[in-house]
């Protein structure tokens, strides 16, 4: 798959971002065949403490990425879903979800991907995701951003700018979310019902595939009441780069977990936040 060249960044060393972004694109090219191989094998599915599934494929992909990072960028920190937080001494941290959408992966449904965000600490010590790649091996698609200014969508040999859909009001919008269980566990089941009544269409194209569809203009919004840093990872860079508006459901702009509401326009984003605010009235 063609690799993008990183855009210049004004708040850090250009070579630092460029080298990491180019390495990441190459590594994900290499790991595609591995994850697709695992997708055809019988897998042992374990249940983690948070109730989510994990397989040997998740652990193997993350281990492979960690080994490459340690070899080429040994001072960087790493945060991964399966192997936890590994501190570093540089201003960089890699945020990894080796297989986002494991429930789909183990059932042969192609709506899964490998997510990696590149987080950089500013001079004030603030962690900011400045670049990221979301790769979808079973779909043959990839979205990426090496700055917050432009995102790219590649499928087969076609590479084009990644842009959200034209603005639509909520009553005409297609909104994606993964599962009612996340609304139930976060005490937001009433929000799911409101979404179903207010949106033009509420769809379960789930996990990272929903954000792929938003970023490429195929749906209008995504609402996820439970998100971890590795779920958000690269999308903290890709979403603004493709023109999306996003925050948590409480209105915070953070990639460190909680929830996500992302939309193709300010107006739609505000309408979705208002639906959640109604739950306490």
Protein backbone atom coordinates (compact mmCIF):
# COMPACT_ATOMS: atom_id res chain seq x y z
CA UNK A 1 0.00 0.00 0.00
CA UNK A 2 1.36 3.49 -0.82
CA UNK A 3 2.71 5.37 2.13
CA UNK A 4 1.96 9.00 2.84
CA UNK A 5 4.74 11.45 3.51
CA UNK A 6 4.29 13.24 6.82
CA UNK A 7 3.32 16.89 6.68
CA UNK A 8 5.61 19.36 8.37
CA UNK A 9 4.80 20.04 11.98
CA UNK A 10 5.69 23.30 13.67
CA UNK A 11 5.69 22.26 17.33
CA UNK A 12 8.19 19.39 17.17
CA UNK A 13 11.20 18.11 15.26
CA UNK A 14 10.04 17.37 11.70
CA UNK A 15 12.34 14.37 11.33
CA UNK A 16 10.94 12.84 14.52
CA UNK A 17 7.39 12.75 13.21
CA UNK A 18 8.36 11.85 9.65
CA UNK A 19 10.51 8.88 10.65
CA UNK A 20 7.88 7.48 12.99
CA UNK A 21 5.02 7.94 10.55
CA UNK A 22 6.93 6.30 7.70
CA UNK A 23 7.94 3.41 9.94
CA UNK A 24 4.36 2.95 11.08
CA UNK A 25 2.99 2.80 7.53
CA UNK A 26 5.59 0.21 6.55
CA UNK A 27 5.00 -1.90 9.67
CA UNK A 28 1.26 -1.98 9.08
CA UNK A 29 1.89 -3.07 5.50
CA UNK A 30 3.96 -5.97 6.86
CA UNK A 31 1.44 -6.92 9.54
CA UNK A 32 -1.54 -7.07 7.19
CA UNK A 33 -0.70 -10.58 6.02
CA UNK A 34 -0.20 -11.72 9.61
CA UNK A 35 -3.56 -10.45 10.84
CA UNK A 36 -5.33 -11.84 7.76
CA UNK A 37 -3.68 -15.22 8.40
CA UNK A 38 -4.92 -15.21 11.99
CA UNK A 39 -8.40 -14.32 10.74
CA UNK A 40 -8.62 -17.70 8.99
CA UNK A 41 -7.41 -19.77 11.96
CA UNK A 42 -9.31 -21.33 14.89
CA UNK A 43 -8.78 -18.93 17.77
CA UNK A 44 -8.92 -19.24 21.53
CA UNK A 45 -11.17 -16.45 22.74
CA UNK A 46 -10.62 -15.29 26.32
CA UNK A 47 -12.67 -12.77 28.24
CA UNK A 48 -10.82 -9.89 29.88
CA UNK A 49 -11.75 -8.26 33.16
CA UNK A 50 -13.81 -5.60 31.35
CA UNK A 51 -15.85 -8.29 29.58
CA UNK A 52 -14.28 -7.76 26.15
CA UNK A 53 -12.86 -10.65 24.09
CA UNK A 54 -9.17 -11.16 23.33
CA UNK A 55 -7.35 -13.76 21.21
CA UNK A 56 -3.78 -14.82 20.57
CA UNK A 57 -3.99 -12.74 17.38
CA UNK A 58 -4.52 -9.52 19.37
CA UNK A 59 -1.51 -10.29 21.54
CA UNK A 60 0.70 -11.33 18.61
CA UNK A 61 0.02 -8.21 16.53
CA UNK A 62 0.67 -5.90 19.47
CA UNK A 63 3.85 -7.76 20.39
CA UNK A 64 5.10 -7.44 16.81
CA UNK A 65 4.46 -3.69 16.80
CA UNK A 66 6.13 -3.25 20.18
CA UNK A 67 9.23 -5.13 19.00
CA UNK A 68 9.54 -2.84 15.98
CA UNK A 69 9.10 0.29 18.07
CA UNK A 70 11.71 -0.82 20.60
CA UNK A 71 14.17 -1.55 17.81
CA UNK A 72 13.79 1.74 15.94
CA UNK A 73 12.61 4.15 18.68
CA UNK A 74 13.81 2.60 21.95
CA UNK A 75 13.21 5.71 24.08
CA UNK A 76 9.54 6.07 23.16
CA UNK A 77 6.70 5.09 25.48
CA UNK A 78 4.06 2.57 24.38
CA UNK A 79 0.46 2.14 25.50
CA UNK A 80 -1.33 -0.92 24.14
CA UNK A 81 -4.65 -2.56 24.86
CA UNK A 82 -3.19 -6.01 25.48
CA UNK A 83 0.23 -5.39 27.06
CA UNK A 84 -0.34 -2.18 28.98
CA UNK A 85 1.75 0.94 29.48
CA UNK A 86 5.50 0.93 28.89
CA UNK A 87 7.20 4.19 29.95
CA UNK A 88 9.80 5.96 27.84
CA UNK A 89 12.22 8.87 28.13
CA UNK A 90 11.39 10.69 24.87
CA UNK A 91 8.45 13.02 24.20
CA UNK A 92 6.67 10.36 22.12
CA UNK A 93 4.16 7.63 22.92
CA UNK A 94 2.64 5.04 20.60
CA UNK A 95 -0.99 4.13 21.35
CA UNK A 96 -1.89 0.70 19.94
CA UNK A 97 -5.06 -1.29 19.45
CA UNK A 98 -3.84 -4.39 17.59
CA UNK A 99 -7.32 -5.58 16.60
CA UNK A 100 -10.14 -3.17 17.27
CA UNK A 101 -13.35 -5.11 16.76
CA UNK A 102 -12.24 -8.50 18.10
CA UNK A 103 -15.88 -9.62 18.34
CA UNK A 104 -16.17 -9.14 14.57
CA UNK A 105 -12.70 -10.61 13.94
CA UNK A 106 -13.47 -13.96 15.59
CA UNK A 107 -16.75 -14.31 13.67
CA UNK A 108 -15.26 -13.65 10.25
CA UNK A 109 -16.90 -10.24 9.93
CA UNK A 110 -14.46 -7.82 8.22
CA UNK A 111 -15.31 -4.79 10.39
CA UNK A 112 -12.05 -4.75 12.38
CA UNK A 113 -8.77 -2.90 12.13
CA UNK A 114 -5.37 -2.12 13.59
CA UNK A 115 -5.17 1.34 15.17
CA UNK A 116 -2.02 3.28 16.05
CA UNK A 117 -1.86 6.87 17.25
CA UNK A 118 1.35 8.90 17.65
CA UNK A 119 1.18 11.03 20.76
CA UNK A 120 3.65 13.87 21.38
CA UNK A 121 4.16 15.93 24.52
CA UNK A 122 4.24 19.66 23.91
CA UNK A 123 6.69 21.99 25.64
CA UNK A 124 4.05 22.43 28.36
CA UNK A 125 3.91 18.67 28.86
CA UNK A 126 0.49 18.27 27.27
CA UNK A 127 0.00 14.96 25.40
CA UNK A 128 -1.43 15.50 21.90
CA UNK A 129 -2.09 12.88 19.24
CA UNK A 130 -0.41 14.46 16.21
CA UNK A 131 -0.69 11.61 13.70
CA UNK A 132 -2.21 8.19 13.28
CA UNK A 133 -3.16 5.32 11.02
CA UNK A 134 -6.25 3.12 11.07
CA UNK A 135 -5.71 0.06 8.88
CA UNK A 136 -8.51 -2.33 7.81
CA UNK A 137 -6.85 -5.43 6.32
CA UNK A 138 -10.04 -7.41 5.63
CA UNK A 139 -11.64 -4.42 3.88
CA UNK A 140 -8.47 -3.44 2.02
CA UNK A 141 -8.76 0.13 3.29
CA UNK A 142 -6.64 2.54 5.30
CA UNK A 143 -7.14 6.06 6.62
CA UNK A 144 -4.27 8.14 7.94
CA UNK A 145 -3.22 11.60 8.97
CA UNK A 146 0.27 12.90 9.64
CA UNK A 147 -1.11 16.22 10.86
CA UNK A 148 -4.49 17.70 11.77
CA UNK A 149 -4.63 19.41 8.37
CA UNK A 150 -5.23 16.58 5.89
CA UNK A 151 -6.25 12.94 6.03
CA UNK A 152 -5.95 10.31 3.32
CA UNK A 153 -8.04 7.30 2.38
CA UNK A 154 -6.51 4.39 0.47
CA UNK A 155 -8.31 1.35 -0.92
CA UNK A 156 -6.76 -0.92 -3.52
CA UNK A 157 -4.61 1.43 -5.65
CA UNK A 158 -6.84 4.47 -5.15
CA UNK A 159 -5.64 7.15 -2.74
CA UNK A 160 -7.66 10.29 -2.13
CA UNK A 161 -8.33 12.96 0.45
CA UNK A 162 -10.41 11.79 3.34
CA UNK A 163 -13.45 14.04 3.85
CA UNK A 164 -16.69 13.83 5.80
CA UNK A 165 -20.11 14.02 4.16
CA UNK A 166 -21.93 17.31 3.50
CA UNK A 167 -23.86 18.58 6.55
CA UNK A 168 -27.21 16.96 7.34
CA UNK A 169 -29.57 17.58 10.26
CA UNK A 170 -30.05 14.79 12.76
CA UNK A 171 -33.44 13.75 11.38
CA UNK A 172 -31.78 13.00 8.02
CA UNK A 173 -28.46 11.67 9.37
CA UNK A 174 -27.12 8.12 9.48
CA UNK A 175 -25.58 7.57 12.93
CA UNK A 176 -23.44 4.56 13.86
CA UNK A 177 -22.86 2.99 17.24
CA UNK A 178 -21.48 -0.39 18.25
CA UNK A 179 -23.86 -1.99 20.75
CA UNK A 180 -26.59 -1.30 23.27
CA UNK A 181 -24.48 -3.04 25.92
CA UNK A 182 -22.11 -0.06 26.07
CA UNK A 183 -25.01 2.34 26.57
CA UNK A 184 -26.34 0.06 29.32
CA UNK A 185 -23.00 -0.24 31.11
CA UNK A 186 -22.46 3.54 31.04
CA UNK A 187 -25.99 4.28 32.28
CA UNK A 188 -26.93 5.83 28.93
CA UNK A 189 -29.48 3.39 27.56
CA UNK A 190 -31.98 6.25 27.33
CA UNK A 191 -29.58 8.01 24.94
CA UNK A 192 -29.69 4.96 22.63
CA UNK A 193 -33.48 5.18 22.54
CA UNK A 194 -33.35 8.91 21.83
CA UNK A 195 -30.85 8.33 19.02
CA UNK A 196 -33.15 5.76 17.47
CA UNK A 197 -36.09 8.15 17.53
CA UNK A 198 -34.23 11.31 16.46
CA UNK A 199 -31.80 10.09 13.78
CA UNK A 200 -32.70 9.39 10.19
CA UNK A 201 -31.09 5.99 10.65
CA UNK A 202 -29.26 4.32 13.55
CA UNK A 203 -26.85 1.63 12.39
CA UNK A 204 -24.60 -0.91 14.09
CA UNK A 205 -21.63 -0.72 11.72
CA UNK A 206 -19.39 -1.05 14.67
CA UNK A 207 -16.12 -0.27 16.41
CA UNK A 208 -13.43 1.32 14.26
CA UNK A 209 -15.36 0.59 11.05
CA UNK A 210 -17.95 3.20 12.07
CA UNK A 211 -15.26 5.89 12.31
CA UNK A 212 -13.88 4.78 8.94
CA UNK A 213 -17.32 5.35 7.42
CA UNK A 214 -17.63 8.77 9.05
CA UNK A 215 -14.17 9.92 7.97
CA UNK A 216 -14.80 8.86 4.38
CA UNK A 217 -18.23 10.48 4.05
CA UNK A 218 -20.34 7.32 4.11
CA UNK A 219 -22.18 8.02 7.39
CA UNK A 220 -22.82 11.27 9.23
CA UNK A 221 -21.97 10.60 12.87
CA UNK A 222 -20.68 8.09 15.41
CA UNK A 223 -21.72 7.89 19.07
CA UNK A 224 -19.80 5.59 21.40
CA UNK A 225 -20.48 5.85 25.16
CA UNK A 226 -17.47 3.70 26.16
CA UNK A 227 -14.04 4.36 24.64
CA UNK A 228 -10.46 3.73 25.76
CA UNK A 229 -7.32 5.61 24.65
CA UNK A 230 -6.43 2.82 22.20
CA UNK A 231 -9.96 2.97 20.69
CA UNK A 232 -9.60 6.69 20.03
CA UNK A 233 -5.86 6.59 19.24
CA UNK A 234 -5.31 7.63 15.61
CA UNK A 235 -8.77 9.17 15.25
CA UNK A 236 -7.75 12.09 17.47
CA UNK A 237 -5.65 13.19 14.47
CA UNK A 238 -7.73 11.75 11.62
CA UNK A 239 -11.10 13.20 12.66
CA UNK A 240 -10.10 16.89 12.57
CA UNK A 241 -7.99 16.27 9.46
CA UNK A 242 -11.01 15.05 7.50
CA UNK A 243 -13.32 17.83 8.74
CA UNK A 244 -15.16 16.01 11.53
CA UNK A 245 -16.13 17.59 14.83
CA UNK A 246 -15.61 15.42 17.89
CA UNK A 247 -15.54 15.44 21.68
CA UNK A 248 -16.56 13.14 24.48
CA UNK A 249 -20.25 13.04 25.37
CA UNK A 250 -19.47 15.53 28.14
CA UNK A 251 -17.96 17.96 25.63
CA UNK A 252 -14.27 17.33 26.41
CA UNK A 253 -11.68 17.06 23.64
CA UNK A 254 -9.57 14.20 24.96
CA UNK A 255 -8.06 11.04 23.51
CA UNK A 256 -7.49 9.56 26.97
CA UNK A 257 -10.75 7.64 27.10
CA UNK A 258 -14.35 7.96 28.18
CA UNK A 259 -16.69 8.35 25.22
CA UNK A 260 -16.83 9.80 21.72
CA UNK A 261 -19.40 11.70 19.73
CA UNK A 262 -18.12 12.60 16.27
CA UNK A 263 -20.07 14.24 13.46
CA UNK A 264 -19.70 15.71 10.01
CA UNK A 265 -20.75 19.20 11.16
CA UNK A 266 -20.88 21.44 14.22
CA UNK A 267 -24.66 21.52 14.11
CA UNK A 268 -25.04 17.75 14.08
CA UNK A 269 -22.44 17.38 16.83
CA UNK A 270 -24.36 19.87 18.99
CA UNK A 271 -27.65 18.06 18.36
CA UNK A 272 -26.10 14.78 19.50
CA UNK A 273 -24.67 16.32 22.66
CA UNK A 274 -28.07 17.80 23.46
CA UNK A 275 -29.66 14.34 23.24
CA UNK A 276 -27.29 13.12 25.95
CA UNK A 277 -27.86 16.18 28.13
CA UNK A 278 -31.57 15.33 28.20
CA UNK A 279 -30.87 12.17 30.21
CA UNK A 280 -30.51 14.11 33.45
CA UNK A 281 -33.74 16.09 33.02
